[in-house]
PDB file of N, CA and C in Angstrom:
ATOM      1  N   MET A   1     196.085 167.453  79.395  1.00  0.00           N
ATOM      2  CA  MET A   1     197.269 167.728  80.165  1.00  0.00           C
ATOM      3  C   MET A   1     198.272 168.525  79.354  1.00  0.00           C
ATOM      4  N   LYS A   2     198.121 168.537  78.060  1.00  0.00           N
ATOM      5  CA  LYS A   2     199.062 169.265  77.220  1.00  0.00           C
ATOM      6  C   LYS A   2     198.819 170.761  77.252  1.00  0.00           C
ATOM      7  N   GLN A   3     197.679 171.197  77.755  1.00  0.00           N
ATOM      8  CA  GLN A   3     197.346 172.617  77.763  1.00  0.00           C
ATOM      9  C   GLN A   3     197.639 173.254  79.118  1.00  0.00           C
ATOM     10  N   GLY A   4     198.744 172.927  79.707  1.00  0.00           N
ATOM     11  CA  GLY A   4     199.101 173.526  80.984  1.00  0.00           C
ATOM     12  C   GLY A   4     198.323 172.901  82.126  1.00  0.00           C
ATOM     13  N   TYR A   5     197.873 173.742  83.050  1.00  0.00           N
ATOM     14  CA  TYR A   5     197.217 173.238  84.248  1.00  0.00           C
ATOM     15  C   TYR A   5     195.700 173.253  84.181  1.00  0.00           C
ATOM     16  N   GLN A   6     195.113 173.614  83.071  1.00  0.00           N
ATOM     17  CA  GLN A   6     193.665 173.699  82.957  1.00  0.00           C
ATOM     18  C   GLN A   6     192.945 172.396  83.304  1.00  0.00           C
ATOM     19  N   PRO A   7     193.324 171.239  82.733  1.00  0.00           N
ATOM     20  CA  PRO A   7     192.618 170.011  83.081  1.00  0.00           C
ATOM     21  C   PRO A   7     192.719 169.670  84.565  1.00  0.00           C
ATOM     22  N   LEU A   8     193.874 169.908  85.174  1.00  0.00           N
ATOM     23  CA  LEU A   8     194.012 169.634  86.590  1.00  0.00           C
ATOM     24  C   LEU A   8     193.096 170.542  87.393  1.00  0.00           C
ATOM     25  N   THR A   9     192.976 171.785  87.031  1.00  0.00           N
ATOM     26  CA  THR A   9     192.070 172.694  87.723  1.00  0.00           C
ATOM     27  C   THR A   9     190.641 172.205  87.611  1.00  0.00           C
ATOM     28  N   LEU A  10     190.248 171.734  86.439  1.00  0.00           N
ATOM     29  CA  LEU A  10     188.907 171.220  86.243  1.00  0.00           C
ATOM     30  C   LEU A  10     188.675 169.975  87.089  1.00  0.00           C
ATOM     31  N   ILE A  11     189.604 169.040  87.073  1.00  0.00           N
ATOM     32  CA  ILE A  11     189.436 167.824  87.862  1.00  0.00           C
ATOM     33  C   ILE A  11     189.446 168.145  89.348  1.00  0.00           C
ATOM     34  N   ASP A  12     190.223 169.125  89.751  1.00  0.00           N
ATOM     35  CA  ASP A  12     190.240 169.540  91.151  1.00  0.00           C
ATOM     36  C   ASP A  12     188.857 170.041  91.570  1.00  0.00           C
ATOM     37  N   ARG A  13     188.222 170.815  90.731  1.00  0.00           N
ATOM     38  CA  ARG A  13     186.874 171.315  91.021  1.00  0.00           C
ATOM     39  C   ARG A  13     185.864 170.180  91.038  1.00  0.00           C
ATOM     40  N   LEU A  14     185.965 169.254  90.076  1.00  0.00           N
ATOM     41  CA  LEU A  14     185.046 168.115  90.050  1.00  0.00           C
ATOM     42  C   LEU A  14     185.188 167.262  91.306  1.00  0.00           C
ATOM     43  N   CYS A  15     186.415 166.994  91.714  1.00  0.00           N
ATOM     44  CA  CYS A  15     186.639 166.206  92.934  1.00  0.00           C
ATOM     45  C   CYS A  15     186.064 166.905  94.154  1.00  0.00           C
ATOM     46  N   SER A  16     186.237 168.199  94.215  1.00  0.00           N
ATOM     47  CA  SER A  16     185.716 168.973  95.336  1.00  0.00           C
ATOM     48  C   SER A  16     184.194 168.896  95.394  1.00  0.00           C
ATOM     49  N   ILE A  17     183.539 168.981  94.235  1.00  0.00           N
ATOM     50  CA  ILE A  17     182.081 168.893  94.187  1.00  0.00           C
ATOM     51  C   ILE A  17     181.611 167.488  94.564  1.00  0.00           C
ATOM     52  N   ILE A  18     182.273 166.471  94.010  1.00  0.00           N
ATOM     53  CA  ILE A  18     181.904 165.087  94.317  1.00  0.00           C
ATOM     54  C   ILE A  18     182.102 164.796  95.797  1.00  0.00           C
ATOM     55  N   ASN A  19     183.078 165.437  96.415  1.00  0.00           N
ATOM     56  CA  ASN A  19     183.380 165.223  97.828  1.00  0.00           C
ATOM     57  C   ASN A  19     182.189 165.568  98.723  1.00  0.00           C
ATOM     58  N   PHE A  20     181.295 166.430  98.275  1.00  0.00           N
ATOM     59  CA  PHE A  20     180.101 166.752  99.059  1.00  0.00           C
ATOM     60  C   PHE A  20     179.143 165.561  99.134  1.00  0.00           C
ATOM     61  N   LYS A  21     179.207 164.644  98.151  1.00  0.00           N
ATOM     62  CA  LYS A  21     178.267 163.529  98.082  1.00  0.00           C
ATOM     63  C   LYS A  21     178.858 162.196  98.526  1.00  0.00           C
ATOM     64  N   THR A  22     180.165 162.086  98.575  1.00  0.00           N
ATOM     65  CA  THR A  22     180.785 160.806  98.918  1.00  0.00           C
ATOM     66  C   THR A  22     181.931 161.016  99.903  1.00  0.00           C
ATOM     67  N   GLU A  23     182.165 160.007 100.716  1.00  0.00           N
ATOM     68  CA  GLU A  23     183.262 160.089 101.676  1.00  0.00           C
ATOM     69  C   GLU A  23     184.316 159.019 101.434  1.00  0.00           C
ATOM     70  N   THR A  24     183.956 157.980 100.691  1.00  0.00           N
ATOM     71  CA  THR A  24     184.905 156.909 100.399  1.00  0.00           C
ATOM     72  C   THR A  24     184.776 156.498  98.935  1.00  0.00           C
ATOM     73  N   GLY A  25     185.767 155.757  98.473  1.00  0.00           N
ATOM     74  CA  GLY A  25     185.741 155.262  97.100  1.00  0.00           C
ATOM     75  C   GLY A  25     186.514 156.152  96.158  1.00  0.00           C
ATOM     76  N   SER A  26     186.251 155.977  94.870  1.00  0.00           N
ATOM     77  CA  SER A  26     186.947 156.771  93.867  1.00  0.00           C
ATOM     78  C   SER A  26     186.063 156.957  92.645  1.00  0.00           C
ATOM     79  N   LYS A  27     186.372 157.981  91.869  1.00  0.00           N
ATOM     80  CA  LYS A  27     185.628 158.303  90.653  1.00  0.00           C
ATOM     81  C   LYS A  27     186.639 158.590  89.553  1.00  0.00           C
ATOM     82  N   PRO A  28     186.704 157.747  88.499  1.00  0.00           N
ATOM     83  CA  PRO A  28     187.658 157.974  87.409  1.00  0.00           C
ATOM     84  C   PRO A  28     187.094 158.886  86.318  1.00  0.00           C
ATOM     85  N   PHE A  29     187.979 159.617  85.662  1.00  0.00           N
ATOM     86  CA  PHE A  29     187.635 160.473  84.527  1.00  0.00           C
ATOM     87  C   PHE A  29     188.649 160.216  83.414  1.00  0.00           C
ATOM     88  N   LEU A  30     188.183 160.207  82.177  1.00  0.00           N
ATOM     89  CA  LEU A  30     189.066 160.050  81.030  1.00  0.00           C
ATOM     90  C   LEU A  30     189.094 161.349  80.245  1.00  0.00           C
ATOM     91  N   ILE A  31     190.254 161.667  79.690  1.00  0.00           N
ATOM     92  CA  ILE A  31     190.403 162.839  78.838  1.00  0.00           C
ATOM     93  C   ILE A  31     190.241 162.359  77.400  1.00  0.00           C
ATOM     94  N   GLU A  32     189.377 162.996  76.649  1.00  0.00           N
ATOM     95  CA  GLU A  32     189.096 162.569  75.279  1.00  0.00           C
ATOM     96  C   GLU A  32     190.368 162.532  74.433  1.00  0.00           C
ATOM     97  N   ASN A  33     190.556 161.426  73.730  1.00  0.00           N
ATOM     98  CA  ASN A  33     191.694 161.197  72.831  1.00  0.00           C
ATOM     99  C   ASN A  33     193.049 161.208  73.541  1.00  0.00           C
ATOM    100  N   GLU A  34     193.065 160.944  74.837  1.00  0.00           N
ATOM    101  CA  GLU A  34     194.310 160.884  75.607  1.00  0.00           C
ATOM    102  C   GLU A  34     194.348 159.583  76.398  1.00  0.00           C
ATOM    103  N   PRO A  35     195.516 159.002  76.604  1.00  0.00           N
ATOM    104  CA  PRO A  35     195.606 157.740  77.336  1.00  0.00           C
ATOM    105  C   PRO A  35     195.542 157.905  78.861  1.00  0.00           C
ATOM    106  N   GLN A  36     195.616 159.126  79.359  1.00  0.00           N
ATOM    107  CA  GLN A  36     195.640 159.339  80.801  1.00  0.00           C
ATOM    108  C   GLN A  36     194.259 159.149  81.421  1.00  0.00           C
ATOM    109  N   GLN A  37     194.278 158.697  82.658  1.00  0.00           N
ATOM    110  CA  GLN A  37     193.060 158.577  83.451  1.00  0.00           C
ATOM    111  C   GLN A  37     193.276 159.365  84.735  1.00  0.00           C
ATOM    112  N   LEU A  38     192.328 160.218  85.075  1.00  0.00           N
ATOM    113  CA  LEU A  38     192.369 160.994  86.308  1.00  0.00           C
ATOM    114  C   LEU A  38     191.360 160.400  87.280  1.00  0.00           C
ATOM    115  N   ILE A  39     191.751 160.275  88.530  1.00  0.00           N
ATOM    116  CA  ILE A  39     190.896 159.631  89.519  1.00  0.00           C
ATOM    117  C   ILE A  39     190.791 160.511  90.749  1.00  0.00           C
ATOM    118  N   CYS A  40     189.562 160.755  91.188  1.00  0.00           N
ATOM    119  CA  CYS A  40     189.324 161.406  92.472  1.00  0.00           C
ATOM    120  C   CYS A  40     189.209 160.284  93.496  1.00  0.00           C
ATOM    121  N   ALA A  41     190.072 160.258  94.483  1.00  0.00           N
ATOM    122  CA  ALA A  41     190.063 159.215  95.502  1.00  0.00           C
ATOM    123  C   ALA A  41     189.692 159.827  96.845  1.00  0.00           C
ATOM    124  N   PHE A  42     188.670 159.277  97.462  1.00  0.00           N
ATOM    125  CA  PHE A  42     188.173 159.776  98.739  1.00  0.00           C
ATOM    126  C   PHE A  42     188.458 158.744  99.820  1.00  0.00           C
ATOM    127  N   ASN A  43     189.381 159.061 100.717  1.00  0.00           N
ATOM    128  CA  ASN A  43     189.782 158.157 101.797  1.00  0.00           C
ATOM    129  C   ASN A  43     190.161 156.780 101.259  1.00  0.00           C
ATOM    130  N   GLU A  44     190.845 156.769 100.142  1.00  0.00           N
ATOM    131  CA  GLU A  44     191.283 155.532  99.502  1.00  0.00           C
ATOM    132  C   GLU A  44     192.641 155.787  98.867  1.00  0.00           C
ATOM    133  N   ASP A  45     193.561 154.851  99.029  1.00  0.00           N
ATOM    134  CA  ASP A  45     194.884 154.973  98.417  1.00  0.00           C
ATOM    135  C   ASP A  45     194.871 154.329  97.034  1.00  0.00           C
ATOM    136  N   ILE A  46     195.351 155.045  96.046  1.00  0.00           N
ATOM    137  CA  ILE A  46     195.518 154.518  94.703  1.00  0.00           C
ATOM    138  C   ILE A  46     196.995 154.176  94.562  1.00  0.00           C
ATOM    139  N   THR A  47     197.328 152.900  94.692  1.00  0.00           N
ATOM    140  CA  THR A  47     198.732 152.499  94.763  1.00  0.00           C
ATOM    141  C   THR A  47     199.398 152.357  93.402  1.00  0.00           C
ATOM    142  N   ASP A  48     198.623 152.211  92.342  1.00  0.00           N
ATOM    143  CA  ASP A  48     199.224 152.009  91.027  1.00  0.00           C
ATOM    144  C   ASP A  48     199.229 153.278  90.168  1.00  0.00           C
ATOM    145  N   ALA A  49     199.070 154.436  90.788  1.00  0.00           N
ATOM    146  CA  ALA A  49     199.061 155.711  90.055  1.00  0.00           C
ATOM    147  C   ALA A  49     200.483 156.154  89.729  1.00  0.00           C
ATOM    148  N   ASP A  50     200.616 156.867  88.621  1.00  0.00           N
ATOM    149  CA  ASP A  50     201.915 157.421  88.233  1.00  0.00           C
ATOM    150  C   ASP A  50     202.218 158.714  88.982  1.00  0.00           C
ATOM    151  N   LEU A  51     201.165 159.422  89.376  1.00  0.00           N
ATOM    152  CA  LEU A  51     201.312 160.713  90.043  1.00  0.00           C
ATOM    153  C   LEU A  51     200.100 160.927  90.939  1.00  0.00           C
ATOM    154  N   VAL A  52     200.319 161.454  92.143  1.00  0.00           N
ATOM    155  CA  VAL A  52     199.215 161.693  93.077  1.00  0.00           C
ATOM    156  C   VAL A  52     199.341 163.094  93.654  1.00  0.00           C
ATOM    157  N   PHE A  53     198.236 163.830  93.620  1.00  0.00           N
ATOM    158  CA  PHE A  53     198.147 165.151  94.243  1.00  0.00           C
ATOM    159  C   PHE A  53     197.259 165.017  95.471  1.00  0.00           C
ATOM    160  N   LYS A  54     197.814 165.249  96.642  1.00  0.00           N
ATOM    161  CA  LYS A  54     197.056 165.145  97.889  1.00  0.00           C
ATOM    162  C   LYS A  54     196.351 166.463  98.171  1.00  0.00           C
ATOM    163  N   ARG A  55     195.087 166.378  98.522  1.00  0.00           N
ATOM    164  CA  ARG A  55     194.291 167.529  98.931  1.00  0.00           C
ATOM    165  C   ARG A  55     193.802 167.279 100.353  1.00  0.00           C
ATOM    166  N   GLY A  56     193.026 168.188 100.899  1.00  0.00           N
ATOM    167  CA  GLY A  56     192.539 168.032 102.267  1.00  0.00           C
ATOM    168  C   GLY A  56     191.687 166.799 102.470  1.00  0.00           C
ATOM    169  N   ASN A  57     190.630 166.638 101.689  1.00  0.00           N
ATOM    170  CA  ASN A  57     189.695 165.532 101.872  1.00  0.00           C
ATOM    171  C   ASN A  57     189.758 164.478 100.774  1.00  0.00           C
ATOM    172  N   TYR A  58     190.604 164.657  99.808  1.00  0.00           N
ATOM    173  CA  TYR A  58     190.691 163.717  98.695  1.00  0.00           C
ATOM    174  C   TYR A  58     192.060 163.807  98.040  1.00  0.00           C
ATOM    175  N   SER A  59     192.309 162.884  97.138  1.00  0.00           N
ATOM    176  CA  SER A  59     193.533 162.884  96.339  1.00  0.00           C
ATOM    177  C   SER A  59     193.150 162.812  94.870  1.00  0.00           C
ATOM    178  N   ILE A  60     193.997 163.361  94.029  1.00  0.00           N
ATOM    179  CA  ILE A  60     193.826 163.248  92.586  1.00  0.00           C
ATOM    180  C   ILE A  60     194.967 162.371  92.087  1.00  0.00           C
ATOM    181  N   ALA A  61     194.612 161.227  91.512  1.00  0.00           N
ATOM    182  CA  ALA A  61     195.611 160.299  90.997  1.00  0.00           C
ATOM    183  C   ALA A  61     195.597 160.350  89.470  1.00  0.00           C
ATOM    184  N   VAL A  62     196.781 160.209  88.884  1.00  0.00           N
ATOM    185  CA  VAL A  62     196.916 160.204  87.426  1.00  0.00           C
ATOM    186  C   VAL A  62     197.542 158.884  87.018  1.00  0.00           C
ATOM    187  N   LYS A  63     196.876 158.194  86.090  1.00  0.00           N
ATOM    188  CA  LYS A  63     197.403 156.952  85.528  1.00  0.00           C
ATOM    189  C   LYS A  63     197.628 157.152  84.034  1.00  0.00           C
ATOM    190  N   GLY A  64     198.563 156.413  83.478  1.00  0.00           N
ATOM    191  CA  GLY A  64     198.787 156.431  82.040  1.00  0.00           C
ATOM    192  C   GLY A  64     199.871 157.368  81.574  1.00  0.00           C
ATOM    193  N   LEU A  65     200.661 157.906  82.488  1.00  0.00           N
ATOM    194  CA  LEU A  65     201.763 158.790  82.091  1.00  0.00           C
ATOM    195  C   LEU A  65     202.916 158.005  81.500  1.00  0.00           C
ATOM    196  N   ARG A  66     203.146 156.823  82.048  1.00  0.00           N
ATOM    197  CA  ARG A  66     204.231 155.962  81.565  1.00  0.00           C
ATOM    198  C   ARG A  66     203.670 154.988  80.549  1.00  0.00           C
ATOM    199  N   GLN A  67     204.273 154.986  79.384  1.00  0.00           N
ATOM    200  CA  GLN A  67     203.783 154.070  78.341  1.00  0.00           C
ATOM    201  C   GLN A  67     204.893 153.254  77.778  1.00  0.00           C
TER     202      GLN A  67
END
């Protein structure tokens, strides 16, 4: 996340690809050596996220921003 928007672009692409295989649930991703967790949520609300980006068929949730 420190390198601008690159990680978000990557997670956005991963969520989009995963969306072809799943319609519900969520898939978490960790950034190496970082406390943040990125989650692709498909038709599921992530209520404990620090930040949520809504997309057409999924949401990208970020946890671990507040420490």
